[in-house]
Amino acid sequence: MATKVWLISHAANADLRAGVLATEAGSDEGVETALDARAIAAVEAWRTRWQALIAGSGDAARVLTSPAPVARASARAAGFDAQIEHALADTAFGAWAGCRLNDIAQHAPEALAAWTRDPSFQPPGGGESFDDVRKRVGAWLDALPEAENKDNAPVIAFTHASVIRAAVLHALGAPSATFRQLEIAPLSVTTLRRSAQGWVWVAATA
């Protein structure tokens, strides 16, 4: 039987809207304040459209989240009690973590340009390349247990655009160089299904 994975991109909070690259996730600190009023309203609208469909697609769904406060807060606001899965973490941005993209563009334009086109480029200070993200996300997907019957619960995962790009390209076996051709909007839903023939992308509709 098929294993189904729902990948949900977290809400756009103030940092994301300002183009601030994420810092590494810490403890529970920051989860309560990760979403501003605008983001909470967006999640509430999402919940009206999607929550029943996704939660009702199988019994006792396994709900996971990136360790990032914004992803955890998005899952909570959407009505899910999620378990942290570190494989779903956002890209590690190294020395760029917490910086605005506009500031990086001013101080390191060549490096930023390389990051936008080269999937093997690693941000300075120990950052991850897209290839690094794809490797860990692909390993996580392939390690998911096989569905045992037609009523098998899906996996619901609240995560980041970079992680979802990596998952889709892994499922399709597409080259990493196409990573910037995938646009993943906040609170978008991407569905993958694995059967005996491998992973496939499934268009999700509400």
N, C-alpha and C. Protein backbone atom coordinates (compact mmCIF):
# COMPACT_ATOMS: atom_id res chain seq x y z
N MET A 1 0.84 -1.19 0.00
CA MET A 1 0.00 0.00 0.00
C MET A 1 0.89 1.26 0.00
N ALA A 2 0.32 2.38 -0.38
CA ALA A 2 1.08 3.61 -0.51
C ALA A 2 1.28 4.31 0.83
N THR A 3 2.45 4.91 0.99
CA THR A 3 2.72 5.78 2.13
C THR A 3 2.49 7.21 1.68
N LYS A 4 1.68 7.96 2.40
CA LYS A 4 1.32 9.32 2.00
C LYS A 4 1.91 10.33 2.97
N VAL A 5 2.48 11.39 2.41
CA VAL A 5 3.09 12.44 3.21
C VAL A 5 2.52 13.79 2.78
N TRP A 6 1.97 14.51 3.74
CA TRP A 6 1.51 15.88 3.51
C TRP A 6 2.59 16.81 4.05
N LEU A 7 3.14 17.66 3.19
CA LEU A 7 4.16 18.62 3.59
C LEU A 7 3.55 20.02 3.58
N ILE A 8 3.54 20.67 4.72
CA ILE A 8 2.91 21.98 4.85
C ILE A 8 3.98 23.01 5.15
N SER A 9 4.06 24.04 4.33
CA SER A 9 5.01 25.13 4.56
C SER A 9 4.47 26.05 5.65
N HIS A 10 5.30 26.36 6.62
CA HIS A 10 4.83 27.15 7.76
C HIS A 10 4.33 28.54 7.35
N ALA A 11 3.64 29.18 8.23
CA ALA A 11 3.08 30.51 7.96
C ALA A 11 4.19 31.54 7.80
N ALA A 12 3.86 32.62 7.10
CA ALA A 12 4.80 33.72 6.92
C ALA A 12 4.70 34.66 8.12
N ASN A 13 5.72 34.63 8.97
CA ASN A 13 5.73 35.55 10.11
C ASN A 13 6.50 36.82 9.73
N ALA A 14 6.72 37.70 10.70
CA ALA A 14 7.34 38.98 10.41
C ALA A 14 8.75 38.82 9.85
N ASP A 15 9.52 37.85 10.39
CA ASP A 15 10.88 37.64 9.89
C ASP A 15 10.88 37.19 8.43
N LEU A 16 10.01 36.26 8.10
CA LEU A 16 9.97 35.77 6.72
C LEU A 16 9.57 36.90 5.77
N ARG A 17 8.59 37.68 6.17
CA ARG A 17 8.16 38.78 5.31
C ARG A 17 9.25 39.83 5.14
N ALA A 18 10.13 39.96 6.14
CA ALA A 18 11.22 40.94 6.07
C ALA A 18 12.46 40.37 5.40
N GLY A 19 12.41 39.10 4.99
CA GLY A 19 13.57 38.49 4.34
C GLY A 19 14.70 38.18 5.29
N VAL A 20 14.38 37.83 6.54
CA VAL A 20 15.40 37.48 7.53
C VAL A 20 15.61 35.97 7.51
N LEU A 21 16.85 35.54 7.32
CA LEU A 21 17.16 34.11 7.31
C LEU A 21 17.10 33.55 8.72
N ALA A 22 16.58 32.35 8.83
CA ALA A 22 16.31 31.76 10.14
C ALA A 22 17.58 31.48 10.92
N THR A 23 17.48 31.60 12.22
CA THR A 23 18.53 31.15 13.12
C THR A 23 18.24 29.72 13.51
N GLU A 24 19.23 29.05 14.08
CA GLU A 24 19.02 27.67 14.48
C GLU A 24 18.00 27.62 15.61
N ALA A 25 17.16 26.58 15.55
CA ALA A 25 16.11 26.43 16.55
C ALA A 25 16.71 26.07 17.90
N GLY A 26 16.10 26.62 18.94
CA GLY A 26 16.56 26.30 20.28
C GLY A 26 15.55 25.44 21.02
N SER A 27 15.19 25.85 22.22
CA SER A 27 14.25 25.10 23.04
C SER A 27 12.83 25.57 22.72
N ASP A 28 11.96 25.51 23.74
CA ASP A 28 10.58 25.95 23.54
C ASP A 28 10.46 27.47 23.47
N GLU A 29 11.55 28.15 23.81
CA GLU A 29 11.51 29.61 23.81
C GLU A 29 11.22 30.13 22.40
N GLY A 30 10.28 31.03 22.30
CA GLY A 30 9.97 31.65 21.02
C GLY A 30 8.77 31.07 20.31
N VAL A 31 8.30 29.90 20.73
CA VAL A 31 7.17 29.28 20.05
C VAL A 31 5.90 30.13 20.23
N GLU A 32 5.68 30.62 21.44
CA GLU A 32 4.46 31.38 21.72
C GLU A 32 4.40 32.69 20.95
N THR A 33 5.56 33.26 20.63
CA THR A 33 5.58 34.55 19.95
C THR A 33 6.03 34.46 18.50
N ALA A 34 6.15 33.25 17.97
CA ALA A 34 6.67 33.07 16.62
C ALA A 34 5.75 33.62 15.54
N LEU A 35 4.44 33.61 15.80
CA LEU A 35 3.47 34.09 14.82
C LEU A 35 2.87 35.41 15.27
N ASP A 36 2.87 36.39 14.40
CA ASP A 36 2.19 37.64 14.70
C ASP A 36 0.73 37.53 14.28
N ALA A 37 -0.03 38.60 14.49
CA ALA A 37 -1.47 38.55 14.22
C ALA A 37 -1.77 38.22 12.76
N ARG A 38 -0.98 38.76 11.86
CA ARG A 38 -1.19 38.49 10.43
C ARG A 38 -0.99 37.01 10.11
N ALA A 39 0.05 36.42 10.69
CA ALA A 39 0.32 35.00 10.45
C ALA A 39 -0.77 34.13 11.08
N ILE A 40 -1.21 34.48 12.28
CA ILE A 40 -2.26 33.71 12.94
C ILE A 40 -3.55 33.73 12.12
N ALA A 41 -3.90 34.87 11.57
CA ALA A 41 -5.10 34.96 10.73
C ALA A 41 -4.97 34.08 9.49
N ALA A 42 -3.76 34.03 8.92
CA ALA A 42 -3.54 33.19 7.75
C ALA A 42 -3.69 31.71 8.09
N VAL A 43 -3.17 31.32 9.26
CA VAL A 43 -3.29 29.91 9.67
C VAL A 43 -4.75 29.56 9.95
N GLU A 44 -5.49 30.47 10.54
CA GLU A 44 -6.91 30.20 10.80
C GLU A 44 -7.68 29.99 9.50
N ALA A 45 -7.37 30.78 8.48
CA ALA A 45 -8.01 30.59 7.18
C ALA A 45 -7.59 29.26 6.57
N TRP A 46 -6.32 28.91 6.72
CA TRP A 46 -5.83 27.62 6.23
C TRP A 46 -6.55 26.48 6.94
N ARG A 47 -6.69 26.62 8.24
CA ARG A 47 -7.32 25.54 9.02
C ARG A 47 -8.74 25.29 8.55
N THR A 48 -9.48 26.34 8.24
CA THR A 48 -10.85 26.19 7.74
C THR A 48 -10.88 25.38 6.45
N ARG A 49 -9.88 25.59 5.63
CA ARG A 49 -9.86 24.94 4.31
C ARG A 49 -9.29 23.53 4.34
N TRP A 50 -8.22 23.32 5.16
CA TRP A 50 -7.43 22.10 5.03
C TRP A 50 -7.48 21.13 6.20
N GLN A 51 -7.67 21.62 7.42
CA GLN A 51 -7.43 20.76 8.58
C GLN A 51 -8.25 19.49 8.57
N ALA A 52 -9.54 19.60 8.30
CA ALA A 52 -10.40 18.41 8.31
C ALA A 52 -10.01 17.44 7.21
N LEU A 53 -9.66 17.96 6.03
CA LEU A 53 -9.28 17.08 4.92
C LEU A 53 -8.03 16.30 5.25
N ILE A 54 -7.01 16.99 5.76
CA ILE A 54 -5.75 16.31 6.04
C ILE A 54 -5.87 15.40 7.25
N ALA A 55 -6.45 15.89 8.32
CA ALA A 55 -6.59 15.07 9.52
C ALA A 55 -7.50 13.88 9.28
N GLY A 56 -8.45 14.02 8.37
CA GLY A 56 -9.39 12.94 8.10
C GLY A 56 -8.94 11.96 7.04
N SER A 57 -7.70 12.13 6.54
CA SER A 57 -7.24 11.24 5.47
C SER A 57 -6.72 9.91 5.97
N GLY A 58 -6.71 9.70 7.26
CA GLY A 58 -6.28 8.43 7.82
C GLY A 58 -6.47 8.46 9.33
N ASP A 59 -6.42 7.31 9.98
CA ASP A 59 -6.60 7.25 11.42
C ASP A 59 -5.29 7.57 12.13
N ALA A 60 -5.39 8.37 13.20
CA ALA A 60 -4.25 8.65 14.06
C ALA A 60 -3.02 9.06 13.26
N ALA A 61 -3.16 10.11 12.49
CA ALA A 61 -2.06 10.57 11.65
C ALA A 61 -0.82 10.86 12.50
N ARG A 62 0.33 10.60 11.93
CA ARG A 62 1.59 10.93 12.57
C ARG A 62 1.95 12.35 12.17
N VAL A 63 1.93 13.27 13.12
CA VAL A 63 2.15 14.68 12.83
C VAL A 63 3.53 15.09 13.32
N LEU A 64 4.32 15.65 12.42
CA LEU A 64 5.69 16.04 12.71
C LEU A 64 5.88 17.52 12.41
N THR A 65 6.93 18.08 12.98
CA THR A 65 7.25 19.48 12.71
C THR A 65 8.75 19.69 12.77
N SER A 66 9.21 20.65 11.99
CA SER A 66 10.57 21.16 12.14
C SER A 66 10.74 21.66 13.58
N PRO A 67 11.96 21.67 14.09
CA PRO A 67 12.17 22.23 15.43
C PRO A 67 12.04 23.75 15.49
N ALA A 68 11.96 24.43 14.35
CA ALA A 68 11.88 25.89 14.35
C ALA A 68 10.60 26.37 15.02
N PRO A 69 10.68 27.40 15.87
CA PRO A 69 9.48 27.90 16.53
C PRO A 69 8.35 28.26 15.58
N VAL A 70 8.66 28.83 14.42
CA VAL A 70 7.60 29.23 13.49
C VAL A 70 6.86 28.02 12.93
N ALA A 71 7.56 26.93 12.69
CA ALA A 71 6.90 25.71 12.21
C ALA A 71 6.07 25.08 13.31
N ARG A 72 6.61 25.03 14.52
CA ARG A 72 5.89 24.45 15.65
C ARG A 72 4.63 25.26 15.97
N ALA A 73 4.77 26.60 15.91
CA ALA A 73 3.62 27.45 16.17
C ALA A 73 2.57 27.31 15.08
N SER A 74 3.00 27.13 13.84
CA SER A 74 2.06 26.94 12.73
C SER A 74 1.28 25.66 12.91
N ALA A 75 1.96 24.58 13.28
CA ALA A 75 1.29 23.31 13.50
C ALA A 75 0.26 23.43 14.63
N ARG A 76 0.66 24.09 15.70
CA ARG A 76 -0.23 24.25 16.85
C ARG A 76 -1.46 25.08 16.48
N ALA A 77 -1.23 26.19 15.78
CA ALA A 77 -2.34 27.06 15.39
C ALA A 77 -3.27 26.38 14.40
N ALA A 78 -2.72 25.44 13.63
CA ALA A 78 -3.53 24.70 12.66
C ALA A 78 -4.32 23.57 13.30
N GLY A 79 -4.11 23.33 14.59
CA GLY A 79 -4.89 22.33 15.30
C GLY A 79 -4.24 20.98 15.43
N PHE A 80 -2.91 20.92 15.27
CA PHE A 80 -2.20 19.65 15.34
C PHE A 80 -1.23 19.62 16.51
N ASP A 81 -1.15 18.48 17.16
CA ASP A 81 -0.17 18.23 18.21
C ASP A 81 0.99 17.49 17.55
N ALA A 82 2.07 18.21 17.26
CA ALA A 82 3.14 17.67 16.43
C ALA A 82 4.38 17.31 17.24
N GLN A 83 5.08 16.30 16.77
CA GLN A 83 6.34 15.86 17.36
C GLN A 83 7.49 16.43 16.53
N ILE A 84 8.54 16.87 17.20
CA ILE A 84 9.69 17.45 16.50
C ILE A 84 10.45 16.37 15.73
N GLU A 85 10.77 16.68 14.48
CA GLU A 85 11.60 15.81 13.64
C GLU A 85 12.73 16.68 13.08
N HIS A 86 13.95 16.41 13.50
CA HIS A 86 15.08 17.27 13.13
C HIS A 86 15.44 17.19 11.65
N ALA A 87 15.06 16.12 10.99
CA ALA A 87 15.31 16.03 9.54
C ALA A 87 14.51 17.07 8.77
N LEU A 88 13.46 17.62 9.39
CA LEU A 88 12.62 18.63 8.74
C LEU A 88 13.09 20.05 9.03
N ALA A 89 14.24 20.21 9.67
CA ALA A 89 14.74 21.54 10.02
C ALA A 89 15.02 22.38 8.79
N ASP A 90 14.93 23.68 8.96
CA ASP A 90 15.26 24.61 7.88
C ASP A 90 16.75 24.49 7.54
N THR A 91 17.12 25.02 6.39
CA THR A 91 18.52 25.10 6.01
C THR A 91 19.31 25.80 7.12
N ALA A 92 20.48 25.26 7.43
CA ALA A 92 21.39 25.94 8.35
C ALA A 92 22.14 27.01 7.55
N PHE A 93 21.98 28.27 7.92
CA PHE A 93 22.52 29.36 7.13
C PHE A 93 23.89 29.84 7.59
N GLY A 94 24.48 29.19 8.58
CA GLY A 94 25.82 29.56 9.01
C GLY A 94 25.89 30.99 9.49
N ALA A 95 26.88 31.73 9.00
CA ALA A 95 27.08 33.12 9.40
C ALA A 95 25.96 34.03 8.92
N TRP A 96 25.16 33.56 7.98
CA TRP A 96 24.05 34.37 7.47
C TRP A 96 22.80 34.27 8.33
N ALA A 97 22.77 33.35 9.27
CA ALA A 97 21.57 33.17 10.10
C ALA A 97 21.22 34.46 10.83
N GLY A 98 19.96 34.84 10.76
CA GLY A 98 19.50 36.04 11.42
C GLY A 98 19.73 37.32 10.62
N CYS A 99 20.33 37.20 9.43
CA CYS A 99 20.61 38.38 8.60
C CYS A 99 19.49 38.59 7.58
N ARG A 100 19.30 39.84 7.19
CA ARG A 100 18.35 40.16 6.13
C ARG A 100 19.01 39.93 4.78
N LEU A 101 18.24 39.39 3.85
CA LEU A 101 18.77 39.14 2.51
C LEU A 101 19.26 40.44 1.87
N ASN A 102 18.57 41.53 2.11
CA ASN A 102 19.00 42.81 1.54
C ASN A 102 20.38 43.21 2.04
N ASP A 103 20.66 42.93 3.30
CA ASP A 103 21.98 43.26 3.85
C ASP A 103 23.06 42.36 3.26
N ILE A 104 22.75 41.08 3.09
CA ILE A 104 23.71 40.16 2.47
C ILE A 104 23.99 40.59 1.03
N ALA A 105 22.95 41.02 0.34
CA ALA A 105 23.11 41.48 -1.04
C ALA A 105 24.05 42.67 -1.13
N GLN A 106 24.06 43.51 -0.12
CA GLN A 106 24.94 44.68 -0.13
C GLN A 106 26.38 44.33 0.22
N HIS A 107 26.55 43.41 1.18
CA HIS A 107 27.89 43.12 1.68
C HIS A 107 28.56 41.92 1.00
N ALA A 108 27.79 41.00 0.47
CA ALA A 108 28.37 39.81 -0.18
C ALA A 108 27.54 39.43 -1.40
N PRO A 109 27.45 40.33 -2.39
CA PRO A 109 26.58 40.07 -3.55
C PRO A 109 26.98 38.85 -4.36
N GLU A 110 28.27 38.60 -4.52
CA GLU A 110 28.70 37.45 -5.30
C GLU A 110 28.33 36.15 -4.60
N ALA A 111 28.52 36.10 -3.29
CA ALA A 111 28.17 34.89 -2.54
C ALA A 111 26.68 34.64 -2.58
N LEU A 112 25.89 35.71 -2.44
CA LEU A 112 24.44 35.55 -2.47
C LEU A 112 23.99 35.08 -3.85
N ALA A 113 24.60 35.61 -4.91
CA ALA A 113 24.25 35.19 -6.26
C ALA A 113 24.58 33.71 -6.46
N ALA A 114 25.71 33.27 -5.92
CA ALA A 114 26.08 31.85 -6.03
C ALA A 114 25.08 30.98 -5.29
N TRP A 115 24.62 31.46 -4.14
CA TRP A 115 23.66 30.69 -3.35
C TRP A 115 22.34 30.51 -4.09
N THR A 116 21.96 31.52 -4.88
CA THR A 116 20.67 31.45 -5.58
C THR A 116 20.72 30.56 -6.81
N ARG A 117 21.90 30.17 -7.28
CA ARG A 117 21.95 29.38 -8.52
C ARG A 117 22.71 28.06 -8.41
N ASP A 118 23.52 27.91 -7.37
CA ASP A 118 24.38 26.73 -7.25
C ASP A 118 23.92 25.87 -6.08
N PRO A 119 23.35 24.69 -6.33
CA PRO A 119 22.85 23.87 -5.22
C PRO A 119 23.94 23.31 -4.31
N SER A 120 25.19 23.42 -4.73
CA SER A 120 26.28 22.92 -3.89
C SER A 120 26.93 24.02 -3.05
N PHE A 121 26.48 25.28 -3.24
CA PHE A 121 27.07 26.40 -2.50
C PHE A 121 26.66 26.36 -1.03
N GLN A 122 27.64 26.49 -0.15
CA GLN A 122 27.38 26.52 1.28
C GLN A 122 27.62 27.93 1.82
N PRO A 123 26.65 28.52 2.52
CA PRO A 123 26.87 29.82 3.13
C PRO A 123 28.07 29.77 4.07
N PRO A 124 28.79 30.88 4.21
CA PRO A 124 29.97 30.88 5.09
C PRO A 124 29.60 30.57 6.53
N GLY A 125 30.60 30.07 7.25
CA GLY A 125 30.37 29.79 8.67
C GLY A 125 29.67 28.47 8.94
N GLY A 126 29.82 27.51 8.04
CA GLY A 126 29.24 26.18 8.27
C GLY A 126 27.81 26.02 7.85
N GLY A 127 27.35 26.83 6.90
CA GLY A 127 25.98 26.68 6.41
C GLY A 127 25.80 25.46 5.53
N GLU A 128 24.54 25.09 5.32
CA GLU A 128 24.20 23.95 4.46
C GLU A 128 23.94 24.41 3.03
N SER A 129 24.37 23.61 2.08
CA SER A 129 23.97 23.81 0.70
C SER A 129 22.61 23.17 0.47
N PHE A 130 21.99 23.47 -0.67
CA PHE A 130 20.74 22.79 -1.00
C PHE A 130 20.98 21.29 -1.14
N ASP A 131 22.12 20.91 -1.70
CA ASP A 131 22.44 19.48 -1.82
C ASP A 131 22.48 18.81 -0.45
N ASP A 132 23.00 19.52 0.55
CA ASP A 132 23.03 18.98 1.92
C ASP A 132 21.61 18.75 2.43
N VAL A 133 20.75 19.75 2.21
CA VAL A 133 19.36 19.63 2.65
C VAL A 133 18.68 18.48 1.94
N ARG A 134 18.89 18.39 0.64
CA ARG A 134 18.25 17.31 -0.14
C ARG A 134 18.70 15.95 0.36
N LYS A 135 19.96 15.81 0.71
CA LYS A 135 20.47 14.52 1.19
C LYS A 135 19.75 14.09 2.47
N ARG A 136 19.63 15.01 3.44
CA ARG A 136 18.99 14.60 4.70
C ARG A 136 17.49 14.41 4.54
N VAL A 137 16.84 15.23 3.72
CA VAL A 137 15.40 15.08 3.53
C VAL A 137 15.09 13.80 2.76
N GLY A 138 15.90 13.51 1.73
CA GLY A 138 15.70 12.28 0.98
C GLY A 138 15.89 11.05 1.85
N ALA A 139 16.89 11.09 2.73
CA ALA A 139 17.11 9.96 3.64
C ALA A 139 15.93 9.78 4.58
N TRP A 140 15.37 10.91 5.06
CA TRP A 140 14.21 10.82 5.94
C TRP A 140 13.01 10.23 5.20
N LEU A 141 12.73 10.70 4.00
CA LEU A 141 11.60 10.17 3.23
C LEU A 141 11.74 8.67 3.00
N ASP A 142 12.92 8.26 2.57
CA ASP A 142 13.11 6.85 2.23
C ASP A 142 13.10 5.93 3.45
N ALA A 143 13.32 6.53 4.63
CA ALA A 143 13.30 5.73 5.86
C ALA A 143 11.90 5.60 6.46
N LEU A 144 10.92 6.32 5.91
CA LEU A 144 9.56 6.21 6.44
C LEU A 144 9.05 4.78 6.26
N PRO A 145 8.32 4.27 7.24
CA PRO A 145 7.83 2.89 7.14
C PRO A 145 6.81 2.73 6.02
N GLU A 146 6.76 1.55 5.47
CA GLU A 146 5.78 1.23 4.44
C GLU A 146 4.38 1.21 5.05
N ALA A 147 3.41 1.66 4.26
CA ALA A 147 2.02 1.55 4.69
C ALA A 147 1.63 0.08 4.73
N GLU A 148 0.89 -0.28 5.78
CA GLU A 148 0.54 -1.68 5.95
C GLU A 148 -0.83 -2.03 5.39
N ASN A 149 -1.72 -1.04 5.28
CA ASN A 149 -3.05 -1.32 4.75
C ASN A 149 -3.63 -0.02 4.21
N LYS A 150 -4.78 -0.11 3.58
CA LYS A 150 -5.37 1.06 2.91
C LYS A 150 -5.79 2.15 3.89
N ASP A 151 -5.93 1.79 5.17
CA ASP A 151 -6.32 2.77 6.17
C ASP A 151 -5.12 3.35 6.91
N ASN A 152 -3.91 3.05 6.41
CA ASN A 152 -2.72 3.53 7.09
C ASN A 152 -2.72 5.06 7.20
N ALA A 153 -2.39 5.55 8.39
CA ALA A 153 -2.39 6.99 8.62
C ALA A 153 -1.26 7.65 7.85
N PRO A 154 -1.52 8.83 7.32
CA PRO A 154 -0.46 9.55 6.61
C PRO A 154 0.50 10.22 7.58
N VAL A 155 1.58 10.75 7.04
CA VAL A 155 2.48 11.61 7.79
C VAL A 155 2.13 13.05 7.43
N ILE A 156 1.95 13.89 8.43
CA ILE A 156 1.69 15.31 8.25
C ILE A 156 2.88 16.05 8.81
N ALA A 157 3.53 16.88 7.99
CA ALA A 157 4.77 17.52 8.40
C ALA A 157 4.75 19.01 8.14
N PHE A 158 4.93 19.81 9.19
CA PHE A 158 5.05 21.26 9.07
C PHE A 158 6.53 21.61 8.97
N THR A 159 6.91 22.24 7.88
CA THR A 159 8.33 22.45 7.63
C THR A 159 8.56 23.71 6.81
N HIS A 160 9.64 23.75 6.04
CA HIS A 160 10.11 24.96 5.38
C HIS A 160 10.15 24.78 3.86
N ALA A 161 10.17 25.89 3.16
CA ALA A 161 10.19 25.84 1.69
C ALA A 161 11.38 25.05 1.17
N SER A 162 12.55 25.25 1.75
CA SER A 162 13.74 24.54 1.27
C SER A 162 13.60 23.03 1.43
N VAL A 163 13.00 22.62 2.54
CA VAL A 163 12.81 21.19 2.80
C VAL A 163 11.81 20.61 1.80
N ILE A 164 10.75 21.35 1.51
CA ILE A 164 9.74 20.85 0.58
C ILE A 164 10.29 20.79 -0.83
N ARG A 165 11.09 21.79 -1.23
CA ARG A 165 11.76 21.72 -2.53
C ARG A 165 12.61 20.44 -2.63
N ALA A 166 13.37 20.20 -1.58
CA ALA A 166 14.24 19.03 -1.56
C ALA A 166 13.44 17.73 -1.67
N ALA A 167 12.31 17.67 -0.96
CA ALA A 167 11.48 16.47 -0.97
C ALA A 167 10.89 16.22 -2.36
N VAL A 168 10.41 17.29 -3.00
CA VAL A 168 9.81 17.14 -4.33
C VAL A 168 10.85 16.68 -5.35
N LEU A 169 12.02 17.30 -5.35
CA LEU A 169 13.05 16.90 -6.31
C LEU A 169 13.54 15.49 -6.05
N HIS A 170 13.60 15.11 -4.77
CA HIS A 170 13.97 13.72 -4.44
C HIS A 170 12.92 12.75 -4.98
N ALA A 171 11.65 13.09 -4.78
CA ALA A 171 10.58 12.21 -5.24
C ALA A 171 10.60 12.06 -6.75
N LEU A 172 10.86 13.14 -7.45
CA LEU A 172 10.84 13.12 -8.91
C LEU A 172 12.15 12.66 -9.53
N GLY A 173 13.19 12.57 -8.71
CA GLY A 173 14.50 12.24 -9.25
C GLY A 173 15.03 13.33 -10.16
N ALA A 174 14.63 14.57 -9.89
CA ALA A 174 15.02 15.71 -10.73
C ALA A 174 16.36 16.26 -10.25
N PRO A 175 17.11 16.90 -11.14
CA PRO A 175 18.40 17.45 -10.74
C PRO A 175 18.27 18.58 -9.74
N SER A 176 19.22 18.66 -8.83
CA SER A 176 19.20 19.71 -7.82
C SER A 176 19.30 21.10 -8.43
N ALA A 177 19.86 21.20 -9.61
CA ALA A 177 20.02 22.52 -10.24
C ALA A 177 18.69 23.20 -10.53
N THR A 178 17.59 22.45 -10.46
CA THR A 178 16.27 23.03 -10.72
C THR A 178 15.60 23.54 -9.44
N PHE A 179 16.33 23.59 -8.34
CA PHE A 179 15.70 23.91 -7.05
C PHE A 179 15.06 25.28 -7.02
N ARG A 180 15.61 26.25 -7.73
CA ARG A 180 15.04 27.59 -7.72
C ARG A 180 13.83 27.73 -8.64
N GLN A 181 13.50 26.68 -9.38
CA GLN A 181 12.32 26.72 -10.23
C GLN A 181 11.06 26.26 -9.50
N LEU A 182 11.21 25.90 -8.25
CA LEU A 182 10.07 25.49 -7.43
C LEU A 182 9.74 26.61 -6.45
N GLU A 183 8.55 27.13 -6.54
CA GLU A 183 8.09 28.15 -5.59
C GLU A 183 7.17 27.49 -4.57
N ILE A 184 7.52 27.61 -3.32
CA ILE A 184 6.74 27.03 -2.23
C ILE A 184 6.20 28.17 -1.38
N ALA A 185 4.92 28.42 -1.47
CA ALA A 185 4.32 29.54 -0.76
C ALA A 185 4.04 29.17 0.70
N PRO A 186 4.01 30.16 1.59
CA PRO A 186 3.62 29.89 2.98
C PRO A 186 2.25 29.22 3.04
N LEU A 187 2.16 28.19 3.88
CA LEU A 187 0.93 27.43 4.11
C LEU A 187 0.45 26.67 2.87
N SER A 188 1.32 26.49 1.90
CA SER A 188 0.98 25.62 0.77
C SER A 188 1.08 24.17 1.21
N VAL A 189 0.36 23.31 0.52
CA VAL A 189 0.32 21.88 0.85
C VAL A 189 0.88 21.08 -0.33
N THR A 190 1.89 20.29 -0.05
CA THR A 190 2.50 19.42 -1.07
C THR A 190 2.31 17.98 -0.62
N THR A 191 1.81 17.15 -1.51
CA THR A 191 1.53 15.76 -1.15
C THR A 191 2.43 14.82 -1.95
N LEU A 192 3.07 13.90 -1.25
CA LEU A 192 3.88 12.87 -1.87
C LEU A 192 3.32 11.51 -1.48
N ARG A 193 3.45 10.55 -2.39
CA ARG A 193 2.98 9.19 -2.10
C ARG A 193 4.03 8.21 -2.57
N ARG A 194 4.34 7.25 -1.70
CA ARG A 194 5.30 6.21 -2.08
C ARG A 194 4.59 4.87 -2.21
N SER A 195 4.81 4.23 -3.34
CA SER A 195 4.28 2.89 -3.57
C SER A 195 5.43 1.99 -4.00
N ALA A 196 5.11 0.84 -4.49
CA ALA A 196 6.15 -0.08 -4.93
C ALA A 196 6.97 0.49 -6.08
N GLN A 197 6.40 1.45 -6.80
CA GLN A 197 7.09 2.05 -7.94
C GLN A 197 7.95 3.25 -7.54
N GLY A 198 7.90 3.64 -6.27
CA GLY A 198 8.69 4.77 -5.81
C GLY A 198 7.82 5.96 -5.44
N TRP A 199 8.47 7.10 -5.20
CA TRP A 199 7.76 8.31 -4.80
C TRP A 199 7.14 9.01 -5.99
N VAL A 200 5.96 9.60 -5.77
CA VAL A 200 5.33 10.44 -6.78
C VAL A 200 4.78 11.68 -6.10
N TRP A 201 4.68 12.76 -6.88
CA TRP A 201 4.05 13.99 -6.41
C TRP A 201 2.58 13.94 -6.76
N VAL A 202 1.72 14.32 -5.82
CA VAL A 202 0.27 14.27 -6.01
C VAL A 202 -0.29 15.68 -5.82
N ALA A 203 -1.03 16.17 -6.81
CA ALA A 203 -1.64 17.49 -6.68
C ALA A 203 -2.69 17.45 -5.57
N ALA A 204 -2.57 18.39 -4.63
CA ALA A 204 -3.49 18.41 -3.48
C ALA A 204 -4.55 19.47 -3.71
N THR A 205 -5.79 19.11 -3.48
CA THR A 205 -6.90 20.07 -3.62
C THR A 205 -7.77 20.01 -2.37
N ALA A 206 -8.33 21.14 -2.03
CA ALA A 206 -9.22 21.19 -0.86
C ALA A 206 -10.65 21.38 -1.32
